[in-house]
Protein backbone atom coordinates (compact mmCIF):
# COMPACT_ATOMS: atom_id res chain seq x y z
CA MET A 1 100.71 90.38 103.26
CA PRO A 2 100.87 90.72 99.44
CA THR A 3 98.70 93.21 97.59
CA SER A 4 95.96 92.21 95.17
CA ASN A 5 94.44 93.61 91.99
CA ILE A 6 91.16 91.91 92.89
CA LEU A 7 88.66 93.56 95.23
CA LYS A 8 88.16 91.34 98.26
CA GLU A 9 85.74 91.17 101.13
CA THR A 10 85.72 89.52 104.52
CA THR A 11 83.46 89.11 107.52
CA GLU A 12 84.59 90.40 110.87
CA LYS A 13 82.88 90.42 114.25
CA MET A 14 82.54 93.34 116.64
CA GLN A 15 85.20 93.40 119.35
CA PHE A 16 84.29 94.19 122.95
CA ILE A 17 85.24 97.80 123.74
CA PRO A 18 87.26 97.02 126.92
CA GLU A 19 89.41 94.53 125.00
CA CYS A 20 90.04 97.08 122.27
CA GLN A 21 90.90 99.81 124.77
CA ASN A 22 93.29 97.47 126.57
CA ILE A 23 95.18 96.68 123.35
CA TRP A 24 95.17 100.08 121.64
CA LYS A 25 95.32 102.24 124.79
CA GLU A 26 95.31 106.00 124.01
CA HIS A 27 95.03 105.37 120.26
CA PHE A 28 91.42 104.20 120.59
CA SER A 29 88.45 106.53 121.13
CA VAL A 30 85.06 105.00 121.92
CA LEU A 31 83.29 108.09 120.55
CA ARG A 32 85.04 108.02 117.18
CA MET A 33 85.94 104.37 116.59
CA ILE A 34 84.85 100.74 116.69
CA CYS A 35 86.91 97.56 116.72
CA THR A 36 86.43 94.34 114.82
CA LYS A 37 87.93 90.92 115.23
CA LEU A 38 89.15 88.56 112.54
CA THR A 39 87.05 85.47 111.96
CA LYS A 40 89.79 83.77 109.92
CA THR A 41 93.49 84.51 109.55
CA GLN A 42 94.79 86.41 106.53
CA GLU A 43 91.39 87.81 105.59
CA GLY A 44 91.34 91.07 107.50
CA ILE A 45 92.49 94.57 106.72
CA CYS A 46 96.18 95.23 106.21
CA GLN A 47 98.59 97.77 104.69
CA GLY A 48 96.96 99.55 101.77
CA ASP A 49 93.42 99.09 103.08
CA SER A 50 93.22 102.42 104.95
CA GLY A 51 90.07 104.29 104.00
CA GLY A 52 88.27 101.12 102.93
CA PRO A 53 84.64 100.70 104.03
CA LEU A 54 83.12 98.60 106.77
CA MET A 55 79.61 97.91 105.58
CA CYS A 56 76.53 96.85 107.50
CA ASN A 57 73.23 96.10 105.72
CA SER A 58 74.78 97.25 102.41
CA LYS A 59 75.63 100.73 103.74
CA VAL A 60 79.02 102.19 104.61
CA GLN A 61 79.03 102.64 108.38
CA HIS A 62 82.73 102.96 109.13
CA ILE A 63 86.04 103.58 107.35
CA THR A 64 89.24 101.61 107.94
CA ASP A 65 91.42 103.52 110.33
CA PHE A 66 94.33 101.35 111.44
CA THR A 67 95.66 97.98 112.50
CA TYR A 68 99.05 96.79 113.68
CA ASP A 69 101.33 96.99 110.61
CA ASN A 70 103.38 93.83 110.95
CA GLU A 71 100.64 91.78 112.59
CA CYS A 72 97.60 92.68 110.48
CA ASP A 73 96.55 89.04 110.10
CA ASN A 74 97.07 88.31 113.81
CA PRO A 75 93.70 87.99 115.61
CA LYS A 76 95.36 89.32 118.77
CA TYR A 77 95.19 92.84 117.30
CA PRO A 78 91.66 94.06 116.53
CA HIS A 79 91.07 96.26 113.51
CA VAL A 80 89.96 99.82 114.13
CA PHE A 81 87.41 101.68 112.04
CA ALA A 82 86.42 105.35 112.23
CA LYS A 83 82.70 105.96 112.77
CA VAL A 84 81.41 107.80 109.70
CA GLY A 85 78.49 109.25 111.67
CA PHE A 86 80.84 111.00 114.09
CA TYR A 87 82.56 112.86 111.24
CA LEU A 88 79.46 113.43 109.08
CA PRO A 89 78.70 116.99 110.32
CA TRP A 90 82.31 118.00 109.62
CA MET A 91 82.23 116.37 106.16
CA GLN A 92 78.98 118.15 105.28
CA LYS A 93 80.42 121.48 106.44
CA MET A 94 83.57 120.98 104.35
CA MET A 95 81.52 120.06 101.27
CA LYS A 96 79.52 123.29 101.56
CA ASN A 97 82.69 125.41 101.51
């Protein structure tokens, strides 16, 4: 997928946890991650998007974690986001130091 100089956004739906676990196996942690599903092809996260936000009600809730490199626009592979809340205590501790 080509890169862009223009900031883009998309809408994705939550993926059922069992489906995500089945696809990503040991790489997926229910405690630390959520999965989303593409609503349209070629609009989801891809290479270069790592660290980008997943927002809900105008607030950052999750950060892009990973997707399947060569199939990032394939709806078969859900996108994985790290739960910000899980890492918040660690981030606050690191910022104090």
